[in-house]
Amino acid sequence: MFRRDFCATRAKINGRSPKIAQCSTVEFASAKFKLVGDGGAVEGLALLNSGAGYTVIDEELPKTLDVGYTGLTVVLTPFSGQRISCREAIVNLITIEGKTVPSELVAVCSIPESIGELLRTQGANPQLVIGVHAIERLGYAIDVIEHRLIESPGILMITSSATG
């Protein structure tokens, strides 16, 4: 239900028909999270997005968390189609559903109000979206049928073998 509602709301924001096919290449789930920086922490329920490489946090959160900026700029294109310039930063740790990893890269930018509202309608924190890098580092994947977080059997890696 989470995914269907999320995709329908996303389609409405983009002025499109709310067909599930529009959401077929990206999977969403929600999970409990905690982000910790040098100056504080934030926790709650977050949207997890398999189509986002970075975990994206709104530019207001670093004021609370006190993150370390890397000096790099990344340009992201969310499902709204807008290109958003973000500053790359590092948080001290990220916890998802009780599993923690240190030193996660995040993209810090202004999350558009339309996306924040979409996150709020799903009961998620409107100031962040957790990306696939953090999800996979913690050994999770998103179940494409149930739209929930599951333990991952491993990360898919494609290699070519040298032949003779």
N, C-alpha and C. Protein backbone atom coordinates (compact mmCIF):
# COMPACT_ATOMS: atom_id res chain seq x y z
N MET A 1 0.83 -1.18 0.00
CA MET A 1 0.00 0.00 0.00
C MET A 1 0.88 1.25 0.00
N PHE A 2 1.99 1.22 0.72
CA PHE A 2 2.88 2.38 0.79
C PHE A 2 3.31 2.79 -0.61
N ARG A 3 3.78 1.83 -1.41
CA ARG A 3 4.30 2.15 -2.73
C ARG A 3 3.21 2.68 -3.64
N ARG A 4 2.04 2.05 -3.65
CA ARG A 4 0.96 2.50 -4.52
C ARG A 4 0.55 3.93 -4.16
N ASP A 5 0.38 4.21 -2.87
CA ASP A 5 0.01 5.55 -2.44
C ASP A 5 1.10 6.55 -2.80
N PHE A 6 2.35 6.18 -2.59
CA PHE A 6 3.46 7.08 -2.87
C PHE A 6 3.53 7.38 -4.36
N CYS A 7 3.40 6.36 -5.20
CA CYS A 7 3.48 6.56 -6.65
C CYS A 7 2.31 7.40 -7.15
N ALA A 8 1.11 7.17 -6.64
CA ALA A 8 -0.06 7.94 -7.05
C ALA A 8 0.11 9.41 -6.66
N THR A 9 0.61 9.67 -5.46
CA THR A 9 0.82 11.05 -5.01
C THR A 9 1.91 11.70 -5.84
N ARG A 10 2.97 10.97 -6.12
CA ARG A 10 4.06 11.50 -6.95
C ARG A 10 3.54 11.85 -8.34
N ALA A 11 2.73 10.99 -8.93
CA ALA A 11 2.16 11.25 -10.25
C ALA A 11 1.29 12.49 -10.23
N LYS A 12 0.52 12.67 -9.18
CA LYS A 12 -0.35 13.84 -9.05
C LYS A 12 0.49 15.12 -9.01
N ILE A 13 1.59 15.12 -8.24
CA ILE A 13 2.46 16.28 -8.15
C ILE A 13 3.05 16.61 -9.51
N ASN A 14 3.39 15.58 -10.28
CA ASN A 14 4.00 15.78 -11.60
C ASN A 14 2.96 15.98 -12.70
N GLY A 15 1.65 15.98 -12.35
CA GLY A 15 0.61 16.19 -13.33
C GLY A 15 0.41 15.03 -14.29
N ARG A 16 0.68 13.82 -13.81
CA ARG A 16 0.55 12.63 -14.65
C ARG A 16 -0.51 11.69 -14.10
N SER A 17 -0.88 10.73 -14.93
CA SER A 17 -1.81 9.70 -14.50
C SER A 17 -1.14 8.82 -13.46
N PRO A 18 -1.82 8.48 -12.36
CA PRO A 18 -1.19 7.69 -11.29
C PRO A 18 -1.12 6.20 -11.59
N LYS A 19 -0.36 5.83 -12.63
CA LYS A 19 -0.19 4.43 -12.98
C LYS A 19 1.01 3.86 -12.23
N ILE A 20 0.86 2.64 -11.75
CA ILE A 20 1.97 1.98 -11.04
C ILE A 20 3.20 1.86 -11.92
N ALA A 21 3.02 1.74 -13.22
CA ALA A 21 4.17 1.60 -14.12
C ALA A 21 5.14 2.75 -13.99
N GLN A 22 4.66 3.93 -13.60
CA GLN A 22 5.55 5.08 -13.44
C GLN A 22 6.54 4.87 -12.30
N CYS A 23 6.29 3.91 -11.46
CA CYS A 23 7.13 3.68 -10.30
C CYS A 23 7.89 2.36 -10.42
N SER A 24 7.83 1.72 -11.58
CA SER A 24 8.30 0.35 -11.70
C SER A 24 9.81 0.17 -11.58
N THR A 25 10.62 1.20 -11.86
CA THR A 25 12.06 1.01 -11.82
C THR A 25 12.69 1.41 -10.50
N VAL A 26 11.92 2.03 -9.62
CA VAL A 26 12.43 2.46 -8.33
C VAL A 26 11.54 1.89 -7.25
N GLU A 27 12.15 1.36 -6.23
CA GLU A 27 11.39 0.79 -5.12
C GLU A 27 11.50 1.69 -3.90
N PHE A 28 10.40 1.77 -3.17
CA PHE A 28 10.32 2.58 -1.97
C PHE A 28 9.90 1.72 -0.79
N ALA A 29 10.35 2.09 0.39
CA ALA A 29 9.92 1.48 1.64
C ALA A 29 10.10 2.55 2.71
N SER A 30 9.64 2.26 3.89
CA SER A 30 9.90 3.16 5.01
C SER A 30 10.53 2.35 6.13
N ALA A 31 11.33 3.02 6.96
CA ALA A 31 12.01 2.32 8.05
C ALA A 31 12.42 3.34 9.11
N LYS A 32 12.64 2.83 10.32
CA LYS A 32 13.15 3.67 11.41
C LYS A 32 14.62 3.98 11.11
N PHE A 33 15.01 5.21 11.41
CA PHE A 33 16.38 5.63 11.14
C PHE A 33 16.90 6.52 12.27
N LYS A 34 18.22 6.69 12.26
CA LYS A 34 18.88 7.69 13.10
C LYS A 34 20.12 8.15 12.36
N LEU A 35 20.29 9.48 12.25
CA LEU A 35 21.50 10.08 11.69
C LEU A 35 22.20 10.84 12.80
N VAL A 36 23.52 10.68 12.89
CA VAL A 36 24.27 11.35 13.95
C VAL A 36 25.41 12.15 13.33
N GLY A 37 25.53 13.40 13.76
CA GLY A 37 26.64 14.27 13.37
C GLY A 37 27.40 14.68 14.62
N ASP A 38 28.34 15.58 14.46
CA ASP A 38 29.14 16.05 15.60
C ASP A 38 28.31 16.83 16.62
N GLY A 39 27.22 17.46 16.16
CA GLY A 39 26.46 18.33 17.04
C GLY A 39 25.12 17.79 17.51
N GLY A 40 24.70 16.65 17.01
CA GLY A 40 23.40 16.13 17.42
C GLY A 40 22.96 14.97 16.55
N ALA A 41 21.68 14.62 16.73
CA ALA A 41 21.12 13.48 16.01
C ALA A 41 19.67 13.78 15.63
N VAL A 42 19.20 13.08 14.64
CA VAL A 42 17.79 13.13 14.25
C VAL A 42 17.37 11.69 13.99
N GLU A 43 16.15 11.37 14.42
CA GLU A 43 15.65 10.02 14.20
C GLU A 43 14.15 10.04 13.96
N GLY A 44 13.64 8.94 13.45
CA GLY A 44 12.21 8.83 13.16
C GLY A 44 11.97 7.80 12.08
N LEU A 45 10.99 8.08 11.22
CA LEU A 45 10.65 7.21 10.11
C LEU A 45 11.09 7.90 8.83
N ALA A 46 11.79 7.18 7.95
CA ALA A 46 12.30 7.76 6.71
C ALA A 46 11.84 6.97 5.51
N LEU A 47 11.76 7.65 4.38
CA LEU A 47 11.54 6.98 3.10
C LEU A 47 12.88 6.43 2.64
N LEU A 48 12.89 5.19 2.18
CA LEU A 48 14.07 4.58 1.58
C LEU A 48 13.79 4.46 0.09
N ASN A 49 14.73 4.90 -0.74
CA ASN A 49 14.53 4.99 -2.18
C ASN A 49 15.66 4.26 -2.88
N SER A 50 15.33 3.15 -3.55
CA SER A 50 16.37 2.37 -4.23
C SER A 50 16.90 3.08 -5.47
N GLY A 51 16.22 4.13 -5.91
CA GLY A 51 16.67 4.88 -7.08
C GLY A 51 17.58 6.05 -6.74
N ALA A 52 17.77 6.30 -5.45
CA ALA A 52 18.65 7.40 -5.02
C ALA A 52 19.98 6.82 -4.56
N GLY A 53 21.05 7.25 -5.17
CA GLY A 53 22.36 6.77 -4.75
C GLY A 53 22.72 7.31 -3.38
N TYR A 54 22.59 8.61 -3.23
CA TYR A 54 22.92 9.29 -1.97
C TYR A 54 21.73 9.30 -1.02
N THR A 55 22.02 9.39 0.25
CA THR A 55 21.02 9.81 1.22
C THR A 55 20.99 11.33 1.12
N VAL A 56 19.81 11.88 0.96
CA VAL A 56 19.64 13.32 0.78
C VAL A 56 19.05 13.90 2.05
N ILE A 57 19.68 14.95 2.55
CA ILE A 57 19.14 15.63 3.73
C ILE A 57 18.91 17.10 3.40
N ASP A 58 17.85 17.66 3.95
CA ASP A 58 17.53 19.06 3.73
C ASP A 58 18.59 19.94 4.36
N GLU A 59 18.81 21.09 3.77
CA GLU A 59 19.87 21.99 4.22
C GLU A 59 19.68 22.52 5.64
N GLU A 60 18.51 22.33 6.24
CA GLU A 60 18.29 22.74 7.63
C GLU A 60 18.90 21.73 8.62
N LEU A 61 18.97 20.47 8.25
CA LEU A 61 19.48 19.44 9.18
C LEU A 61 20.94 19.62 9.59
N PRO A 62 21.85 20.01 8.69
CA PRO A 62 23.24 20.17 9.12
C PRO A 62 23.43 21.17 10.26
N LYS A 63 22.50 22.11 10.38
CA LYS A 63 22.59 23.07 11.48
C LYS A 63 22.42 22.36 12.82
N THR A 64 21.61 21.33 12.85
CA THR A 64 21.40 20.52 14.05
C THR A 64 22.47 19.46 14.20
N LEU A 65 22.79 18.79 13.09
CA LEU A 65 23.70 17.65 13.13
C LEU A 65 25.17 18.04 13.18
N ASP A 66 25.54 19.17 12.57
CA ASP A 66 26.93 19.59 12.43
C ASP A 66 27.71 18.55 11.63
N VAL A 67 27.41 18.48 10.33
CA VAL A 67 28.06 17.52 9.44
C VAL A 67 29.40 18.07 8.95
N GLY A 68 30.23 17.21 8.39
CA GLY A 68 31.50 17.62 7.80
C GLY A 68 31.37 17.66 6.29
N TYR A 69 31.57 18.83 5.69
CA TYR A 69 31.46 18.97 4.24
C TYR A 69 32.74 18.51 3.55
N THR A 70 32.60 17.85 2.39
CA THR A 70 33.76 17.33 1.66
C THR A 70 34.34 18.34 0.68
N GLY A 71 33.58 19.38 0.35
CA GLY A 71 34.02 20.36 -0.64
C GLY A 71 33.52 20.04 -2.04
N LEU A 72 32.87 18.90 -2.21
CA LEU A 72 32.34 18.52 -3.52
C LEU A 72 30.88 18.95 -3.67
N THR A 73 30.49 19.20 -4.91
CA THR A 73 29.11 19.50 -5.24
C THR A 73 28.58 18.37 -6.11
N VAL A 74 27.37 17.91 -5.83
CA VAL A 74 26.73 16.89 -6.65
C VAL A 74 25.40 17.44 -7.14
N VAL A 75 25.02 17.07 -8.36
CA VAL A 75 23.75 17.49 -8.92
C VAL A 75 22.84 16.27 -8.97
N LEU A 76 21.69 16.38 -8.33
CA LEU A 76 20.73 15.28 -8.27
C LEU A 76 19.50 15.64 -9.07
N THR A 77 18.86 14.61 -9.65
CA THR A 77 17.61 14.80 -10.35
C THR A 77 16.57 13.91 -9.70
N PRO A 78 15.75 14.47 -8.79
CA PRO A 78 14.72 13.66 -8.13
C PRO A 78 13.55 13.40 -9.07
N PHE A 79 12.57 12.63 -8.59
CA PHE A 79 11.43 12.26 -9.43
C PHE A 79 10.61 13.45 -9.90
N SER A 80 10.80 14.61 -9.31
CA SER A 80 10.09 15.81 -9.77
C SER A 80 10.64 16.31 -11.10
N GLY A 81 11.86 15.85 -11.46
CA GLY A 81 12.48 16.25 -12.71
C GLY A 81 13.39 17.47 -12.59
N GLN A 82 13.34 18.17 -11.45
CA GLN A 82 14.20 19.33 -11.24
C GLN A 82 15.62 18.87 -11.00
N ARG A 83 16.59 19.64 -11.44
CA ARG A 83 17.99 19.36 -11.11
C ARG A 83 18.31 20.16 -9.87
N ILE A 84 18.86 19.49 -8.86
CA ILE A 84 19.13 20.14 -7.58
C ILE A 84 20.63 20.03 -7.29
N SER A 85 21.25 21.19 -7.05
CA SER A 85 22.66 21.22 -6.69
C SER A 85 22.78 21.00 -5.19
N CYS A 86 23.62 20.06 -4.80
CA CYS A 86 23.78 19.70 -3.39
C CYS A 86 25.25 19.73 -2.99
N ARG A 87 25.48 19.94 -1.72
CA ARG A 87 26.84 19.86 -1.17
C ARG A 87 27.01 18.48 -0.55
N GLU A 88 28.12 17.82 -0.89
CA GLU A 88 28.40 16.51 -0.31
C GLU A 88 28.94 16.69 1.10
N ALA A 89 28.45 15.86 2.02
CA ALA A 89 28.90 15.92 3.41
C ALA A 89 29.00 14.51 3.97
N ILE A 90 29.53 14.41 5.17
CA ILE A 90 29.66 13.12 5.86
C ILE A 90 28.98 13.25 7.21
N VAL A 91 28.11 12.27 7.52
CA VAL A 91 27.54 12.18 8.86
C VAL A 91 28.35 11.12 9.61
N ASN A 92 28.37 11.22 10.92
CA ASN A 92 29.18 10.29 11.72
C ASN A 92 28.69 8.86 11.62
N LEU A 93 27.37 8.69 11.64
CA LEU A 93 26.82 7.35 11.49
C LEU A 93 25.37 7.42 11.07
N ILE A 94 24.92 6.32 10.49
CA ILE A 94 23.52 6.17 10.14
C ILE A 94 23.06 4.81 10.65
N THR A 95 21.87 4.79 11.24
CA THR A 95 21.27 3.56 11.73
C THR A 95 19.93 3.38 11.01
N ILE A 96 19.71 2.19 10.51
CA ILE A 96 18.42 1.85 9.90
C ILE A 96 17.96 0.55 10.54
N GLU A 97 16.78 0.60 11.14
CA GLU A 97 16.18 -0.58 11.78
C GLU A 97 17.17 -1.30 12.70
N GLY A 98 17.95 -0.52 13.46
CA GLY A 98 18.82 -1.09 14.48
C GLY A 98 20.22 -1.45 14.03
N LYS A 99 20.52 -1.41 12.73
CA LYS A 99 21.86 -1.69 12.23
C LYS A 99 22.56 -0.37 11.91
N THR A 100 23.83 -0.26 12.32
CA THR A 100 24.55 1.02 12.21
C THR A 100 25.84 0.86 11.42
N VAL A 101 26.12 1.88 10.59
CA VAL A 101 27.43 1.99 9.92
C VAL A 101 27.98 3.39 10.15
N PRO A 102 29.29 3.53 10.21
CA PRO A 102 29.90 4.85 10.41
C PRO A 102 30.14 5.58 9.09
N SER A 103 30.30 6.89 9.21
CA SER A 103 30.80 7.74 8.12
C SER A 103 30.07 7.55 6.80
N GLU A 104 28.82 7.97 6.75
CA GLU A 104 28.05 7.87 5.51
C GLU A 104 28.04 9.20 4.76
N LEU A 105 28.27 9.13 3.44
CA LEU A 105 28.16 10.32 2.60
C LEU A 105 26.69 10.67 2.42
N VAL A 106 26.40 11.96 2.46
CA VAL A 106 25.04 12.45 2.23
C VAL A 106 25.12 13.65 1.29
N ALA A 107 24.01 13.92 0.62
CA ALA A 107 23.89 15.11 -0.21
C ALA A 107 23.01 16.10 0.54
N VAL A 108 23.52 17.31 0.75
CA VAL A 108 22.80 18.35 1.50
C VAL A 108 22.27 19.37 0.50
N CYS A 109 20.95 19.53 0.47
CA CYS A 109 20.34 20.48 -0.45
C CYS A 109 18.97 20.90 0.06
N SER A 110 18.38 21.82 -0.64
CA SER A 110 17.03 22.25 -0.29
C SER A 110 16.05 21.26 -0.89
N ILE A 111 15.35 20.52 -0.04
CA ILE A 111 14.34 19.58 -0.52
C ILE A 111 13.10 20.41 -0.86
N PRO A 112 12.64 20.35 -2.11
CA PRO A 112 11.47 21.14 -2.50
C PRO A 112 10.25 20.82 -1.62
N GLU A 113 9.45 21.83 -1.37
CA GLU A 113 8.27 21.66 -0.51
C GLU A 113 7.34 20.57 -1.03
N SER A 114 7.20 20.44 -2.36
CA SER A 114 6.32 19.40 -2.91
C SER A 114 6.80 18.00 -2.52
N ILE A 115 8.12 17.81 -2.48
CA ILE A 115 8.67 16.52 -2.08
C ILE A 115 8.51 16.34 -0.57
N GLY A 116 8.76 17.40 0.19
CA GLY A 116 8.55 17.33 1.64
C GLY A 116 7.12 16.97 1.98
N GLU A 117 6.17 17.55 1.27
CA GLU A 117 4.75 17.25 1.50
C GLU A 117 4.44 15.80 1.15
N LEU A 118 5.01 15.33 0.07
CA LEU A 118 4.84 13.93 -0.33
C LEU A 118 5.37 12.99 0.75
N LEU A 119 6.52 13.32 1.32
CA LEU A 119 7.09 12.51 2.39
C LEU A 119 6.19 12.54 3.62
N ARG A 120 5.69 13.73 3.97
CA ARG A 120 4.78 13.85 5.12
C ARG A 120 3.51 13.01 4.94
N THR A 121 2.96 12.97 3.72
CA THR A 121 1.73 12.18 3.50
C THR A 121 1.97 10.70 3.74
N GLN A 122 3.22 10.27 3.66
CA GLN A 122 3.56 8.87 3.90
C GLN A 122 4.02 8.63 5.34
N GLY A 123 3.97 9.67 6.16
CA GLY A 123 4.39 9.53 7.56
C GLY A 123 5.89 9.56 7.74
N ALA A 124 6.62 9.94 6.70
CA ALA A 124 8.09 9.96 6.75
C ALA A 124 8.60 11.36 7.10
N ASN A 125 9.81 11.42 7.63
CA ASN A 125 10.46 12.69 7.91
C ASN A 125 10.62 13.45 6.59
N PRO A 126 10.13 14.68 6.51
CA PRO A 126 10.20 15.43 5.25
C PRO A 126 11.57 16.04 4.95
N GLN A 127 12.55 15.79 5.84
CA GLN A 127 13.86 16.40 5.66
C GLN A 127 14.93 15.45 5.14
N LEU A 128 14.55 14.21 4.81
CA LEU A 128 15.55 13.32 4.26
C LEU A 128 14.93 12.16 3.50
N VAL A 129 15.74 11.60 2.61
CA VAL A 129 15.43 10.37 1.88
C VAL A 129 16.69 9.53 1.93
N ILE A 130 16.57 8.29 2.35
CA ILE A 130 17.74 7.42 2.46
C ILE A 130 17.95 6.68 1.15
N GLY A 131 19.17 6.79 0.63
CA GLY A 131 19.52 6.20 -0.66
C GLY A 131 20.08 4.79 -0.56
N VAL A 132 20.27 4.22 -1.73
CA VAL A 132 20.65 2.81 -1.85
C VAL A 132 22.04 2.51 -1.27
N HIS A 133 22.96 3.47 -1.31
CA HIS A 133 24.29 3.20 -0.77
C HIS A 133 24.21 2.84 0.72
N ALA A 134 23.47 3.64 1.48
CA ALA A 134 23.31 3.35 2.92
C ALA A 134 22.55 2.05 3.13
N ILE A 135 21.51 1.83 2.33
CA ILE A 135 20.70 0.61 2.45
C ILE A 135 21.56 -0.63 2.25
N GLU A 136 22.36 -0.62 1.19
CA GLU A 136 23.20 -1.79 0.88
C GLU A 136 24.36 -1.94 1.86
N ARG A 137 24.95 -0.83 2.32
CA ARG A 137 26.04 -0.93 3.31
C ARG A 137 25.57 -1.64 4.57
N LEU A 138 24.30 -1.47 4.91
CA LEU A 138 23.75 -2.08 6.12
C LEU A 138 23.25 -3.50 5.87
N GLY A 139 23.41 -4.00 4.66
CA GLY A 139 22.99 -5.37 4.37
C GLY A 139 21.50 -5.53 4.13
N TYR A 140 20.86 -4.46 3.68
CA TYR A 140 19.43 -4.49 3.40
C TYR A 140 19.16 -4.38 1.91
N ALA A 141 17.92 -4.70 1.56
CA ALA A 141 17.37 -4.48 0.23
C ALA A 141 15.91 -4.13 0.43
N ILE A 142 15.26 -3.68 -0.63
CA ILE A 142 13.84 -3.40 -0.56
C ILE A 142 13.08 -4.51 -1.26
N ASP A 143 12.17 -5.15 -0.54
CA ASP A 143 11.32 -6.20 -1.10
C ASP A 143 10.38 -5.56 -2.11
N VAL A 144 10.48 -5.98 -3.39
CA VAL A 144 9.71 -5.34 -4.45
C VAL A 144 8.23 -5.72 -4.42
N ILE A 145 7.88 -6.78 -3.73
CA ILE A 145 6.48 -7.18 -3.63
C ILE A 145 5.81 -6.53 -2.42
N GLU A 146 6.44 -6.63 -1.26
CA GLU A 146 5.87 -6.12 -0.02
C GLU A 146 6.23 -4.67 0.28
N HIS A 147 7.21 -4.11 -0.47
CA HIS A 147 7.65 -2.72 -0.29
C HIS A 147 8.07 -2.46 1.15
N ARG A 148 8.96 -3.35 1.60
CA ARG A 148 9.49 -3.22 2.95
C ARG A 148 10.97 -3.58 2.91
N LEU A 149 11.66 -3.22 3.96
CA LEU A 149 13.08 -3.51 4.09
C LEU A 149 13.28 -4.97 4.45
N ILE A 150 14.24 -5.62 3.79
CA ILE A 150 14.56 -7.02 4.09
C ILE A 150 16.07 -7.17 4.17
N GLU A 151 16.51 -8.26 4.81
CA GLU A 151 17.94 -8.59 4.82
C GLU A 151 18.35 -8.96 3.40
N SER A 152 19.45 -8.42 2.93
CA SER A 152 19.91 -8.67 1.57
C SER A 152 20.78 -9.92 1.52
N PRO A 153 20.62 -10.72 0.46
CA PRO A 153 21.50 -11.88 0.30
C PRO A 153 22.90 -11.48 -0.15
N GLY A 154 23.10 -10.23 -0.49
CA GLY A 154 24.39 -9.72 -0.94
C GLY A 154 24.18 -8.70 -2.03
N ILE A 155 25.25 -8.05 -2.43
CA ILE A 155 25.18 -7.03 -3.47
C ILE A 155 25.54 -7.68 -4.78
N LEU A 156 24.71 -7.46 -5.81
CA LEU A 156 24.94 -8.01 -7.13
C LEU A 156 26.19 -7.38 -7.74
N MET A 157 27.06 -8.22 -8.23
CA MET A 157 28.28 -7.73 -8.85
C MET A 157 28.47 -8.49 -10.15
N ILE A 158 28.58 -7.76 -11.23
CA ILE A 158 28.76 -8.40 -12.54
C ILE A 158 30.22 -8.27 -12.92
N THR A 159 30.81 -9.40 -13.28
CA THR A 159 32.21 -9.38 -13.69
C THR A 159 32.33 -10.13 -15.01
N SER A 160 33.38 -9.86 -15.72
CA SER A 160 33.66 -10.62 -16.92
C SER A 160 34.90 -11.45 -16.66
N SER A 161 34.88 -12.64 -17.18
CA SER A 161 36.06 -13.50 -16.98
C SER A 161 36.92 -13.44 -18.23
N ALA A 162 38.20 -13.46 -18.01
CA ALA A 162 39.14 -13.45 -19.14
C ALA A 162 39.23 -14.85 -19.74
N THR A 163 39.12 -14.91 -21.04
CA THR A 163 39.26 -16.21 -21.71
C THR A 163 40.43 -16.12 -22.67
N GLY A 164 41.05 -17.21 -22.83
CA GLY A 164 42.12 -17.35 -23.55
C GLY A 164 42.95 -16.95 -24.51
